[in-house]
Amino acid sequence: MSASPLVNAINFATNHTLAPSPLFTPAQFDALAHLISSLGAEPDRLALPVPCDESAYNLAEAIRGSGTVSTLVLRFEPFCGVKAIRTVTAALESRPDRICVSNFNPDSNDLRFLVSLLIPHHSAIITIEISGTWLPPEQLAELRHIRALRSLRLQLSYFDSAPAARALEEAIHEWPLLERLELFHANLSGRAGFARALGGCRVLSALELTCNGLLDIGISEIANAMLSRSKLAVAGLRELRLADNEFGARGGVEVAKLVRRSPQLEWLDISSNNLGEEAGTIFGEALQGCASSLRTLKVSSCGFGPEAIRAIGNSLSPQSRLASLDISQNSPGKHGIDAMLPTIAGLTKLNVGSTGIPTRGLATELAKCRFLRVLDLSELADVGGDIGLFEALPGSLEKLELFESGIDNEAAKAVSRFILRAPRLKRLGLGMNKFDAEGVRAVSEALLHWGSIQDLSLSFNYDMGDQGAKLVAQNLIRSSKSLRKLDIRQQCVGAEGATAIAQAIVDVFHTGGSKLREVRIMKGEGGKEGYEALERAMLEVRPEIDVVPWG
C-alpha cells in the first residue's frame, strides 16, 4: 500500500500526538491504521472518534498492536450505538495510562458496557464526560465501580432527582481519587446526603454545580461540608463554580467563608445569584484569602452595588494574577468602579456590560491593557458618543461586544479605524445599534483588511435597509474568506436586500472558497418575495451552510 499524502503528513507526528478528525473518510482512517501497523509507532496521545464503522475499529486495532498509548481520548460520535463496543474494546487494550471519555450520550449507548470495559484499568487516570437527555439511575449507579475515576462531568436535560441523586451520592463515596466533579441541571436542592458525600472527597479540587437550584439551604450545606474536610483539602480547592443556583445573602455568606479559606483558588463563579449589597461586601472582602492565586472571577448579575464592587476591587491589587473578570449586570457606581479599574491592566478578558459605568475613566485604563483579548461593553449607553474610547481599545482584542451601545455612523467609522489596528479580531458584536448603510460600509470594508473575522453580528440595526443588506452580501458573504457565522436578523430589509443576501449565499456555496457555515435571519425577512428567496437558499445550501430563521 503506497503512502498517501495523509500518511506523509502524519508521519512526523506519529510518536507524539494523533488526533484524527471525526470527518475523516474510511480510507483516511485505514491509511492511519496502516501507518501505525507498518512503523510500529507508539503515539503518546490518541484522540479517537468512536463512530460505528469498520475503519475506526481498524485504527484501534492498529493502536492495540503497536504498544502503549499514554493518553487515550475516546470521543463518542452521535448515535454511534452498540457497534462502538468493538472499537472501544480494541483501543482500551492498548493499556493507556490516562483514559478520557468525552461526549458519551446515554440516549444511544448503555453506560454499563463502558463501565465494564473501564473497571480493569484500576491504575489509569480516568475522566468521563456524559451529556444527553436522561441517564437511568441504575446506569448512573454503575459508575461507582470505576474506583479510579478522577473526573466526572454530567450534563443532562432531564434528571430524575431523587433516585438519581441517591445513586450519585453513593457513587461519590466510592471514588477516593476524585479530583473534579461537574454537575449541571442535577436538581440537588434539599439533598443533604450529597453535601455529606462531598465532605468525604479528600482530594476534590474542582467543583462545578451550575444551575442546580440549590437555594440558600443547599449552598450552605455544601459550603459547610467542603469546609469540614481537612485543612489541607480545603486549601487545595482550585475551582468553584456555583452560577445560577438561586441563592441569596445567606448562601453568599457561607460561600464567602469557604473562599476566605481557599488560598489556591484560581477560578470562582457565583454569577446569577442575588447576594445583594451586604453579603456581596462580605464576599468581596473574603477574596483577600485567594487574591494572590485567583485567575478568573465571575460575579455577573449578583445584585452588587458600589460597596460590594469596591470591596472586590480593594481585595484584588493591581499586582494580582487575575486574568478574567466579569462584573456585568451589577451597579458599581462611581465609587465601585474607581476601586475596580486599577486592577484591570493585566486582564485578558473583561466584561462590564450593563453596569451603567461612564466610559471616560474606562478609556484611560483600557489603553493600559496590553494583553486584553476579550472585551464586552454591551448596553453601555455612553460608548457610542465617546469616539476616544475606540482609540483607546487595545489592538490585541480578539472578541469585542458592543450590543446596544449607541453606535451611530460616526461611531461605526471609529470602530472601523479600530479594526485596522486589530489583526487578530475574530468576533465582533454590533447588534441593536443605530448605524445605517454608511456604517455597514465602513465596518465591512475594514474587516476585509485583515481577513481574520469569523463571527459577526449586525442584528437589529433597523436603519440598515436594502442598501446595507447589499453591502453585507458583497463585502461579507461574497468577499470574506474567513467569516464562519453571520447574524443579520433585521425586520427592516426589503425584498431587494433579502434577495441579494440569498443569492450571495447560494453563489459562495457553489463556487467554494468561503468558510461560511451559519447565517441567522429573521422569519419573514424581506416580505413574501425576499423570504421565499431566502427559503430556497436554505434548502439549496444545507447542511454545509446552515441558514437559521429566527422569530
Protein backbone atom coordinates (compact mmCIF):
# COMPACT_ATOMS: atom_id res chain seq x y z
CA MET A 1 0.00 0.00 0.00
CA SER A 2 1.59 3.25 -1.10
CA ALA A 3 1.80 6.12 1.36
CA SER A 4 -0.94 8.71 0.89
CA PRO A 5 -0.43 12.47 1.50
CA LEU A 6 -2.24 11.93 4.80
CA VAL A 7 0.28 9.28 5.87
CA ASN A 8 3.17 11.55 4.91
CA ALA A 9 1.62 14.43 6.88
CA ILE A 10 1.05 12.32 9.98
CA ASN A 11 4.43 10.57 9.79
CA PHE A 12 6.29 13.30 11.67
CA ALA A 13 3.76 13.47 14.48
CA THR A 14 3.17 9.76 14.95
CA ASN A 15 5.39 9.37 18.00
CA HIS A 16 3.79 12.37 19.70
CA THR A 17 0.10 13.00 19.08
CA LEU A 18 -2.61 11.64 16.82
CA ALA A 19 -5.99 13.38 16.70
CA PRO A 20 -7.89 12.15 13.61
CA SER A 21 -10.91 14.23 12.74
CA PRO A 22 -14.36 12.62 13.03
CA LEU A 23 -14.88 13.86 9.46
CA PHE A 24 -12.08 11.63 8.13
CA THR A 25 -13.15 9.22 5.40
CA PRO A 26 -12.82 5.45 5.89
CA ALA A 27 -9.86 5.47 3.51
CA GLN A 28 -8.10 8.06 5.67
CA PHE A 29 -8.73 6.03 8.81
CA ASP A 30 -7.29 2.99 7.04
CA ALA A 31 -4.23 5.00 6.00
CA LEU A 32 -3.58 5.91 9.63
CA ALA A 33 -4.03 2.32 10.71
CA HIS A 34 -1.61 1.15 8.03
CA LEU A 35 0.95 3.72 9.08
CA ILE A 36 0.85 2.71 12.74
CA SER A 37 0.97 -1.01 11.94
CA SER A 38 3.82 -0.75 9.46
CA LEU A 39 6.02 1.56 11.55
CA GLY A 40 5.30 0.03 14.96
CA ALA A 41 4.60 3.57 16.16
CA GLU A 42 3.63 4.35 19.74
CA PRO A 43 1.82 7.72 19.85
CA ASP A 44 1.84 9.47 23.22
CA ARG A 45 -1.73 10.68 22.81
CA LEU A 46 -4.53 9.40 20.61
CA ALA A 47 -7.84 11.22 20.24
CA LEU A 48 -10.05 8.59 18.64
CA PRO A 49 -13.55 9.33 17.33
CA VAL A 50 -15.86 6.41 18.04
CA PRO A 51 -18.26 6.10 15.10
CA CYS A 52 -19.95 2.85 14.11
CA ASP A 53 -17.79 1.96 11.13
CA GLU A 54 -15.11 -0.59 10.45
CA SER A 55 -12.39 1.97 9.78
CA ALA A 56 -12.34 3.30 13.35
CA TYR A 57 -12.10 -0.30 14.56
CA ASN A 58 -9.14 -0.92 12.21
CA LEU A 59 -7.38 2.13 13.63
CA ALA A 60 -8.00 1.00 17.21
CA GLU A 61 -6.73 -2.48 16.34
CA ALA A 62 -3.54 -0.96 14.94
CA ILE A 63 -3.04 1.05 18.13
CA ARG A 64 -3.56 -2.10 20.23
CA GLY A 65 -0.87 -3.91 18.29
CA SER A 66 1.64 -1.06 18.35
CA GLY A 67 2.26 -0.76 22.07
CA THR A 68 1.11 1.52 24.88
CA VAL A 69 -0.68 4.82 24.31
CA SER A 70 -0.03 7.19 27.21
CA THR A 71 -3.29 9.12 26.81
CA LEU A 72 -6.37 7.76 25.03
CA VAL A 73 -9.29 10.10 24.30
CA LEU A 74 -12.47 8.28 23.26
CA ARG A 75 -14.67 10.90 21.63
CA PHE A 76 -18.11 9.37 21.06
CA GLU A 77 -19.91 10.47 17.92
CA PRO A 78 -23.71 10.99 17.92
CA PHE A 79 -25.77 7.80 17.57
CA CYS A 80 -22.73 5.53 17.36
CA GLY A 81 -24.68 2.85 19.24
CA VAL A 82 -23.57 -0.58 20.38
CA LYS A 83 -21.37 -1.10 17.31
CA ALA A 84 -18.87 1.16 19.05
CA ILE A 85 -18.10 -1.59 21.59
CA ARG A 86 -15.58 -3.30 19.30
CA THR A 87 -13.74 -0.04 18.64
CA VAL A 88 -13.61 0.94 22.30
CA THR A 89 -12.54 -2.53 23.40
CA ALA A 90 -9.68 -2.65 20.92
CA ALA A 91 -8.48 0.84 21.85
CA LEU A 92 -8.54 0.15 25.59
CA GLU A 93 -6.45 -2.99 25.15
CA SER A 94 -3.50 -0.71 24.41
CA ARG A 95 -3.42 -0.22 28.24
CA PRO A 96 -3.27 3.60 28.32
CA ASP A 97 -2.08 5.47 31.42
CA ARG A 98 -4.82 8.09 31.04
CA ILE A 99 -8.32 7.50 29.63
CA CYS A 100 -10.64 10.39 28.72
CA VAL A 101 -14.20 9.55 27.64
CA SER A 102 -15.93 12.57 26.09
CA ASN A 103 -19.34 13.25 24.59
CA PHE A 104 -20.80 9.94 25.80
CA ASN A 105 -24.56 10.03 25.13
CA PRO A 106 -26.64 7.64 27.25
CA ASP A 107 -29.57 8.13 24.86
CA SER A 108 -27.84 5.90 22.28
CA ASN A 109 -25.42 3.88 24.46
CA ASP A 110 -25.68 1.78 27.59
CA LEU A 111 -23.31 3.19 30.17
CA ARG A 112 -22.94 -0.26 31.71
CA PHE A 113 -20.91 -1.60 28.79
CA LEU A 114 -18.48 1.32 29.07
CA VAL A 115 -18.14 0.81 32.84
CA SER A 116 -17.41 -2.89 32.35
CA LEU A 117 -14.56 -2.01 29.98
CA LEU A 118 -13.10 0.65 32.29
CA ILE A 119 -13.15 -1.29 35.58
CA PRO A 120 -9.98 -3.32 34.81
CA HIS A 121 -7.99 -0.11 34.27
CA HIS A 122 -7.62 0.49 38.00
CA SER A 123 -4.17 2.05 37.62
CA ALA A 124 -5.19 4.53 34.88
CA ILE A 125 -6.34 8.10 35.40
CA ILE A 126 -9.95 8.12 34.16
CA THR A 127 -12.15 11.09 33.25
CA ILE A 128 -15.70 10.81 31.90
CA GLU A 129 -17.99 13.39 30.26
CA ILE A 130 -21.64 12.39 29.84
CA SER A 131 -24.19 14.55 28.03
CA GLY A 132 -27.65 13.66 26.82
CA THR A 133 -31.32 13.79 27.65
CA TRP A 134 -31.61 11.33 30.54
CA LEU A 135 -29.47 8.77 32.35
CA PRO A 136 -31.39 5.99 34.16
CA PRO A 137 -30.47 5.90 37.87
CA GLU A 138 -29.47 2.23 37.65
CA GLN A 139 -26.91 3.12 34.96
CA LEU A 140 -25.65 6.10 36.95
CA ALA A 141 -25.16 3.78 39.92
CA GLU A 142 -22.82 1.63 37.81
CA LEU A 143 -20.25 4.43 37.81
CA ARG A 144 -19.42 3.62 41.43
CA HIS A 145 -17.48 0.57 40.20
CA ILE A 146 -14.87 2.78 38.47
CA ARG A 147 -12.83 3.39 41.59
CA ALA A 148 -10.03 5.03 39.58
CA LEU A 149 -12.36 7.83 38.45
CA ARG A 150 -10.64 11.22 38.70
CA SER A 151 -13.10 13.49 36.90
CA LEU A 152 -16.84 13.33 36.12
CA ARG A 153 -18.84 15.81 34.03
CA LEU A 154 -22.57 15.11 33.93
CA GLN A 155 -24.85 17.28 31.79
CA LEU A 156 -28.39 16.03 31.22
CA SER A 157 -31.53 17.77 30.03
CA TYR A 158 -33.66 15.78 32.46
CA PHE A 159 -32.56 14.45 35.85
CA ASP A 160 -34.76 12.07 37.85
CA SER A 161 -33.80 13.91 41.01
CA ALA A 162 -34.48 11.61 43.95
CA PRO A 163 -33.23 8.17 42.77
CA ALA A 164 -30.52 9.61 40.53
CA ALA A 165 -29.19 11.93 43.24
CA ARG A 166 -29.17 8.99 45.67
CA ALA A 167 -27.20 6.90 43.19
CA LEU A 168 -24.77 9.78 42.71
CA GLU A 169 -24.30 10.21 46.47
CA GLU A 170 -23.49 6.52 46.87
CA ALA A 171 -21.09 6.60 43.93
CA ILE A 172 -19.14 9.58 45.26
CA HIS A 173 -18.28 7.60 48.40
CA GLU A 174 -16.58 5.01 46.14
CA TRP A 175 -14.27 7.49 44.37
CA PRO A 176 -11.37 8.16 46.75
CA LEU A 177 -9.31 9.72 43.96
CA LEU A 178 -11.99 12.10 42.62
CA GLU A 179 -10.41 15.46 41.81
CA ARG A 180 -13.06 17.15 39.63
CA LEU A 181 -16.86 17.00 39.72
CA GLU A 182 -19.09 18.94 37.30
CA LEU A 183 -22.87 18.57 37.52
CA PHE A 184 -25.43 20.56 35.52
CA HIS A 185 -29.22 20.52 35.99
CA ALA A 186 -28.96 17.73 38.58
CA ASN A 187 -31.72 19.14 40.85
CA LEU A 188 -29.68 18.81 44.03
CA SER A 189 -31.83 21.09 46.19
CA GLY A 190 -32.53 19.54 49.59
CA ARG A 191 -30.03 16.71 49.11
CA ALA A 192 -28.14 16.84 52.43
CA GLY A 193 -26.65 13.44 51.61
CA PHE A 194 -24.96 14.89 48.56
CA ALA A 195 -23.31 17.59 50.68
CA ARG A 196 -22.08 14.96 53.15
CA ALA A 197 -20.66 12.90 50.28
CA LEU A 198 -18.71 15.93 49.08
CA GLY A 199 -17.33 16.35 52.57
CA GLY A 200 -15.68 12.95 52.20
CA CYS A 201 -13.85 13.86 48.98
CA ARG A 202 -10.35 14.36 50.34
CA VAL A 203 -8.65 15.35 47.07
CA LEU A 204 -11.51 17.19 45.32
CA SER A 205 -10.02 20.39 43.92
CA ALA A 206 -12.58 21.45 41.29
CA LEU A 207 -16.35 21.64 41.88
CA GLU A 208 -18.96 22.89 39.39
CA LEU A 209 -22.65 22.81 40.32
CA THR A 210 -24.10 25.22 37.77
CA CYS A 211 -27.88 25.52 37.55
CA ASN A 212 -28.89 23.04 40.24
CA GLY A 213 -31.49 25.03 42.17
CA LEU A 214 -29.53 24.71 45.41
CA LEU A 215 -31.07 27.77 47.09
CA ASP A 216 -29.64 29.14 50.33
CA ILE A 217 -30.03 25.92 52.29
CA GLY A 218 -28.35 23.72 49.69
CA ILE A 219 -25.43 26.03 49.03
CA SER A 220 -24.88 26.49 52.77
CA GLU A 221 -24.79 22.71 53.34
CA ILE A 222 -22.29 22.25 50.52
CA ALA A 223 -20.04 25.10 51.65
CA ASN A 224 -20.01 23.78 55.22
CA ALA A 225 -19.34 20.22 54.02
CA MET A 226 -16.37 21.41 51.97
CA LEU A 227 -15.08 23.30 55.00
CA SER A 228 -15.42 20.18 57.17
CA ARG A 229 -12.63 18.49 55.23
CA SER A 230 -9.06 18.58 56.42
CA LYS A 231 -7.23 21.90 56.36
CA LEU A 232 -5.03 20.60 53.55
CA ALA A 233 -8.06 19.53 51.48
CA VAL A 234 -9.81 22.90 51.93
CA ALA A 235 -6.63 24.74 50.99
CA GLY A 236 -6.37 22.60 47.84
CA LEU A 237 -9.60 23.89 46.28
CA ARG A 238 -8.74 25.44 42.91
CA GLU A 239 -12.08 25.84 41.09
CA LEU A 240 -15.53 26.69 42.45
CA ARG A 241 -18.40 27.31 40.04
CA LEU A 242 -21.83 27.86 41.55
CA ALA A 243 -23.62 30.01 38.95
CA ASP A 244 -27.41 30.16 38.65
CA ASN A 245 -28.41 28.38 41.86
CA GLU A 246 -30.95 30.92 43.17
CA PHE A 247 -29.19 31.54 46.47
CA GLY A 248 -29.05 34.92 48.15
CA ALA A 249 -27.44 36.64 51.14
CA ARG A 250 -27.38 33.65 53.49
CA GLY A 251 -25.79 31.31 50.95
CA GLY A 252 -23.43 34.06 49.82
CA VAL A 253 -22.06 34.50 53.34
CA GLU A 254 -21.35 30.74 53.60
CA VAL A 255 -19.61 30.73 50.22
CA ALA A 256 -17.51 33.68 51.42
CA LYS A 257 -16.29 31.59 54.38
CA LEU A 258 -15.14 28.86 52.01
CA VAL A 259 -13.46 31.35 49.68
CA ARG A 260 -11.58 33.01 52.55
CA ARG A 261 -10.01 29.65 53.48
CA SER A 262 -9.06 28.64 49.91
CA PRO A 263 -5.67 30.25 49.23
CA GLN A 264 -5.10 28.30 45.99
CA LEU A 265 -8.45 29.17 44.39
CA GLU A 266 -7.96 30.03 40.71
CA TRP A 267 -11.48 30.03 39.23
CA LEU A 268 -14.56 31.41 41.04
CA ASP A 269 -18.02 31.85 39.50
CA ILE A 270 -21.13 32.81 41.53
CA SER A 271 -22.96 34.56 38.65
CA SER A 272 -26.76 34.88 38.58
CA ASN A 273 -27.28 34.54 42.33
CA ASN A 274 -28.80 37.53 44.10
CA LEU A 275 -26.46 38.02 47.06
CA GLY A 276 -27.20 41.72 47.37
CA GLU A 277 -25.02 44.53 48.66
CA GLU A 278 -24.32 43.46 52.26
CA ALA A 279 -23.45 39.81 51.53
CA GLY A 280 -21.62 40.99 48.41
CA THR A 281 -19.39 43.20 50.54
CA ILE A 282 -18.60 40.25 52.84
CA PHE A 283 -17.84 38.14 49.76
CA GLY A 284 -15.62 40.87 48.29
CA GLU A 285 -13.60 41.12 51.49
CA ALA A 286 -13.24 37.30 51.59
CA LEU A 287 -11.40 37.43 48.25
CA GLN A 288 -8.33 38.59 50.17
CA GLY A 289 -7.88 34.92 51.08
CA CYS A 290 -7.24 33.94 47.45
CA ALA A 291 -6.19 37.25 45.87
CA SER A 292 -2.70 36.03 45.01
CA SER A 293 -3.93 32.91 43.16
CA LEU A 294 -7.25 33.94 41.58
CA ARG A 295 -7.21 33.91 37.76
CA THR A 296 -10.93 34.07 36.86
CA LEU A 297 -13.70 35.87 38.76
CA LYS A 298 -17.32 35.92 37.55
CA VAL A 299 -19.92 37.78 39.60
CA SER A 300 -22.37 38.79 36.86
CA SER A 301 -25.91 39.62 37.97
CA CYS A 302 -25.36 39.25 41.72
CA GLY A 303 -27.17 42.40 42.87
CA PHE A 304 -23.86 44.07 43.79
CA GLY A 305 -23.75 47.82 44.35
CA PRO A 306 -20.87 50.26 44.92
CA GLU A 307 -19.77 48.86 48.30
CA ALA A 308 -19.62 45.25 47.12
CA ILE A 309 -17.70 46.13 43.95
CA ARG A 310 -15.37 48.37 45.93
CA ALA A 311 -14.66 45.51 48.35
CA ILE A 312 -13.78 43.28 45.40
CA GLY A 313 -11.54 45.94 43.89
CA ASN A 314 -9.78 46.56 47.20
CA SER A 315 -9.09 42.82 47.62
CA LEU A 316 -7.59 42.48 44.15
CA SER A 317 -4.41 44.51 43.95
CA PRO A 318 -3.02 45.71 40.59
CA GLN A 319 -0.28 43.08 41.07
CA SER A 320 -2.75 40.17 41.30
CA ARG A 321 -2.71 37.27 38.81
CA LEU A 322 -6.32 37.94 37.77
CA ALA A 323 -6.77 37.35 34.02
CA SER A 324 -10.56 37.26 33.55
CA LEU A 325 -13.16 39.49 35.25
CA ASP A 326 -16.94 39.65 34.75
CA ILE A 327 -18.90 42.20 36.81
CA SER A 328 -21.67 42.69 34.22
CA GLN A 329 -25.28 43.41 35.20
CA ASN A 330 -24.35 44.93 38.56
CA SER A 331 -24.47 48.55 39.71
CA PRO A 332 -20.92 49.52 40.73
CA GLY A 333 -21.45 53.28 40.60
CA LYS A 334 -18.54 55.71 40.60
CA HIS A 335 -17.04 54.56 43.92
CA GLY A 336 -17.12 50.90 42.96
CA ILE A 337 -15.65 51.36 39.51
CA ASP A 338 -12.93 53.70 40.79
CA ALA A 339 -11.72 50.89 43.07
CA MET A 340 -12.01 48.25 40.36
CA LEU A 341 -10.37 49.94 37.36
CA PRO A 342 -6.78 49.87 38.69
CA THR A 343 -6.97 46.04 38.73
CA ILE A 344 -7.72 45.54 35.00
CA ALA A 345 -4.36 46.34 33.38
CA GLY A 346 -3.21 42.71 33.31
CA LEU A 347 -6.53 41.18 32.21
CA THR A 348 -7.09 39.08 29.10
CA LYS A 349 -10.92 39.11 29.45
CA LEU A 350 -13.19 41.86 30.80
CA ASN A 351 -16.99 42.13 30.87
CA VAL A 352 -18.52 45.35 32.22
CA GLY A 353 -21.70 45.21 30.14
CA SER A 354 -24.93 46.55 31.63
CA THR A 355 -23.19 48.23 34.56
CA GLY A 356 -24.01 51.85 33.66
CA ILE A 357 -20.39 52.91 34.24
CA PRO A 358 -19.14 56.10 32.49
CA THR A 359 -16.68 55.47 29.67
CA ARG A 360 -14.34 58.40 30.45
CA GLY A 361 -12.26 56.70 33.12
CA LEU A 362 -12.65 53.33 31.42
CA ALA A 363 -10.91 54.54 28.24
CA THR A 364 -7.87 55.64 30.23
CA GLU A 365 -7.49 52.21 31.87
CA LEU A 366 -8.24 50.24 28.69
CA ALA A 367 -5.31 51.95 26.99
CA LYS A 368 -3.05 50.21 29.54
CA CYS A 369 -4.43 46.71 28.81
CA ARG A 370 -1.75 45.31 26.53
CA PHE A 371 -2.91 41.69 26.85
CA LEU A 372 -6.70 42.10 26.61
CA ARG A 373 -8.27 39.60 24.19
CA VAL A 374 -11.99 39.70 25.08
CA LEU A 375 -13.98 42.85 25.94
CA ASP A 376 -17.73 43.26 26.47
CA LEU A 377 -19.13 46.80 26.64
CA SER A 378 -22.72 45.86 25.80
CA GLU A 379 -25.56 48.12 26.92
CA LEU A 380 -23.31 50.99 27.97
CA ALA A 381 -25.13 53.99 26.57
CA ASP A 382 -22.06 56.27 26.63
CA VAL A 383 -19.98 54.12 24.28
CA GLY A 384 -21.38 55.41 21.00
CA GLY A 385 -20.78 59.03 21.96
CA ASP A 386 -17.18 58.54 23.12
CA ILE A 387 -15.06 58.35 19.96
CA GLY A 388 -11.93 58.49 22.10
CA LEU A 389 -12.86 55.13 23.64
CA PHE A 390 -12.32 53.36 20.34
CA GLU A 391 -8.92 54.98 20.01
CA ALA A 392 -8.03 53.54 23.43
CA LEU A 393 -9.11 49.99 22.63
CA PRO A 394 -6.07 47.68 22.56
CA GLY A 395 -5.15 46.15 19.21
CA SER A 396 -4.73 42.77 20.95
CA LEU A 397 -8.51 42.20 21.05
CA GLU A 398 -9.89 39.01 19.51
CA LYS A 399 -13.51 39.49 20.61
CA LEU A 400 -15.42 42.76 21.07
CA GLU A 401 -19.08 43.01 22.10
CA LEU A 402 -20.89 46.32 21.55
CA PHE A 403 -24.53 45.23 21.67
CA GLU A 404 -26.94 48.15 22.18
CA SER A 405 -24.14 50.62 22.78
CA GLY A 406 -25.47 53.61 20.84
CA ILE A 407 -23.22 53.09 17.80
CA ASP A 408 -24.24 55.52 15.04
CA ASN A 409 -22.48 56.09 11.71
CA GLU A 410 -19.68 58.20 13.22
CA ALA A 411 -19.08 55.64 15.96
CA ALA A 412 -19.17 52.84 13.33
CA LYS A 413 -16.40 54.64 11.47
CA ALA A 414 -14.43 54.82 14.73
CA VAL A 415 -14.99 51.06 15.11
CA SER A 416 -13.65 50.56 11.57
CA ARG A 417 -10.48 52.50 12.44
CA PHE A 418 -10.03 50.29 15.49
CA ILE A 419 -10.44 47.19 13.31
CA LEU A 420 -7.48 48.33 11.21
CA ARG A 421 -5.38 48.13 14.42
CA ALA A 422 -6.72 44.70 15.44
CA PRO A 423 -5.23 42.00 13.21
CA ARG A 424 -6.48 39.13 15.44
CA LEU A 425 -10.14 40.22 15.77
CA LYS A 426 -12.32 37.11 15.33
CA ARG A 427 -15.66 38.10 16.85
CA LEU A 428 -17.44 41.48 16.62
CA GLY A 429 -20.91 42.08 18.06
CA LEU A 430 -22.68 45.21 16.78
CA GLY A 431 -26.31 44.23 17.30
CA MET A 432 -29.09 46.67 18.26
CA ASN A 433 -27.31 49.89 17.30
CA LYS A 434 -28.13 52.98 15.25
CA PHE A 435 -25.99 52.93 12.10
CA ASP A 436 -27.29 52.58 8.54
CA ALA A 437 -25.69 51.50 5.24
CA GLU A 438 -22.93 54.08 5.68
CA GLY A 439 -21.85 52.41 8.91
CA VAL A 440 -22.14 48.94 7.35
CA ARG A 441 -19.83 50.01 4.54
CA ALA A 442 -17.18 51.35 6.92
CA VAL A 443 -17.18 48.27 9.14
CA SER A 444 -17.37 45.66 6.36
CA GLU A 445 -14.55 47.21 4.33
CA ALA A 446 -12.32 47.41 7.40
CA LEU A 447 -12.99 43.75 8.23
CA LEU A 448 -11.68 42.71 4.82
CA HIS A 449 -8.33 44.37 5.57
CA TRP A 450 -7.04 41.61 7.88
CA GLY A 451 -9.30 38.73 6.89
CA SER A 452 -9.43 37.41 10.46
CA ILE A 453 -13.12 37.90 11.33
CA GLN A 454 -15.00 34.63 11.92
CA ASP A 455 -18.17 35.67 13.77
CA LEU A 456 -20.07 38.92 13.10
CA SER A 457 -23.39 40.20 14.42
CA LEU A 458 -25.18 43.12 12.73
CA SER A 459 -28.62 42.13 14.03
CA PHE A 460 -31.42 44.58 14.76
CA ASN A 461 -29.83 47.65 13.20
CA TYR A 462 -33.16 48.83 11.89
CA ASP A 463 -31.76 51.59 9.67
CA MET A 464 -29.58 49.24 7.61
CA GLY A 465 -32.15 48.81 4.83
CA ASP A 466 -31.71 47.23 1.40
CA GLN A 467 -28.52 49.15 0.69
CA GLY A 468 -26.92 47.85 3.87
CA ALA A 469 -28.07 44.30 3.01
CA LYS A 470 -26.43 44.55 -0.42
CA LEU A 471 -23.17 45.63 1.24
CA VAL A 472 -23.41 42.64 3.56
CA ALA A 473 -23.91 40.38 0.54
CA GLN A 474 -20.94 41.81 -1.37
CA ASN A 475 -18.38 42.74 1.29
CA LEU A 476 -19.02 39.99 3.81
CA ILE A 477 -20.73 36.94 2.28
CA ARG A 478 -19.02 37.05 -1.11
CA SER A 479 -15.68 38.65 -0.29
CA SER A 480 -14.73 37.43 3.20
CA LYS A 481 -12.61 34.26 3.20
CA SER A 482 -12.63 33.90 6.99
CA LEU A 483 -16.24 34.57 8.07
CA ARG A 484 -17.97 31.49 9.55
CA LYS A 485 -21.02 32.89 11.39
CA LEU A 486 -23.12 35.90 10.41
CA ASP A 487 -26.14 37.27 12.29
CA ILE A 488 -28.20 39.68 10.16
CA ARG A 489 -31.65 39.45 11.74
CA GLN A 490 -33.24 42.79 10.95
CA GLN A 491 -37.01 43.08 10.33
CA CYS A 492 -36.15 46.07 8.16
CA VAL A 493 -34.75 44.62 4.92
CA GLY A 494 -36.95 44.63 1.84
CA ALA A 495 -37.26 42.13 -0.99
CA GLU A 496 -34.31 43.59 -2.88
CA GLY A 497 -31.90 43.28 0.05
CA ALA A 498 -33.10 39.82 1.13
CA THR A 499 -32.80 38.51 -2.43
CA ALA A 500 -29.24 39.88 -2.70
CA ILE A 501 -28.27 38.05 0.52
CA ALA A 502 -29.94 34.81 -0.64
CA GLN A 503 -28.14 34.92 -4.00
CA ALA A 504 -24.79 35.62 -2.33
CA ILE A 505 -25.21 32.62 -0.01
CA VAL A 506 -26.02 30.33 -2.94
CA ASP A 507 -23.12 31.68 -5.00
CA VAL A 508 -20.45 31.09 -2.33
CA PHE A 509 -21.89 27.61 -1.74
CA HIS A 510 -21.37 26.67 -5.39
CA THR A 511 -18.09 28.47 -6.06
CA GLY A 512 -16.35 27.30 -2.87
CA GLY A 513 -13.54 29.11 -1.08
CA SER A 514 -15.84 30.50 1.63
CA LYS A 515 -15.77 29.27 5.25
CA LEU A 516 -19.32 30.48 5.91
CA ARG A 517 -21.25 27.88 7.93
CA GLU A 518 -24.12 29.71 9.64
CA VAL A 519 -26.32 32.70 8.72
CA ARG A 520 -29.05 33.84 11.11
CA ILE A 521 -32.01 35.66 9.55
CA MET A 522 -35.43 36.81 10.70
CA LYS A 523 -38.52 34.82 9.72
CA GLY A 524 -40.40 36.77 7.08
CA GLU A 525 -37.29 38.87 6.24
CA GLY A 526 -37.77 40.80 3.01
CA GLY A 527 -41.51 40.27 2.76
CA LYS A 528 -43.05 37.43 0.75
CA GLU A 529 -40.72 37.68 -2.25
CA GLY A 530 -37.49 38.19 -0.27
CA TYR A 531 -38.21 35.46 2.27
CA GLU A 532 -39.11 32.97 -0.43
CA ALA A 533 -35.66 33.63 -1.95
CA LEU A 534 -34.06 33.03 1.45
CA GLU A 535 -36.06 29.81 1.93
CA ARG A 536 -34.91 28.49 -1.45
CA ALA A 537 -31.34 29.31 -0.45
CA MET A 538 -31.79 27.45 2.87
CA LEU A 539 -32.83 24.27 1.07
CA GLU A 540 -30.06 24.52 -1.51
CA VAL A 541 -27.07 25.10 0.77
CA ARG A 542 -27.88 22.91 3.78
CA PRO A 543 -26.22 21.19 5.54
CA GLU A 544 -22.93 22.84 4.51
CA ILE A 545 -24.30 26.31 5.30
CA ASP A 546 -27.00 26.47 7.99
CA VAL A 547 -29.40 29.34 7.31
CA VAL A 548 -31.27 29.72 10.59
CA PRO A 549 -34.63 31.57 10.64
CA TRP A 550 -35.46 33.23 13.96
CA GLY A 551 -38.66 34.52 15.48
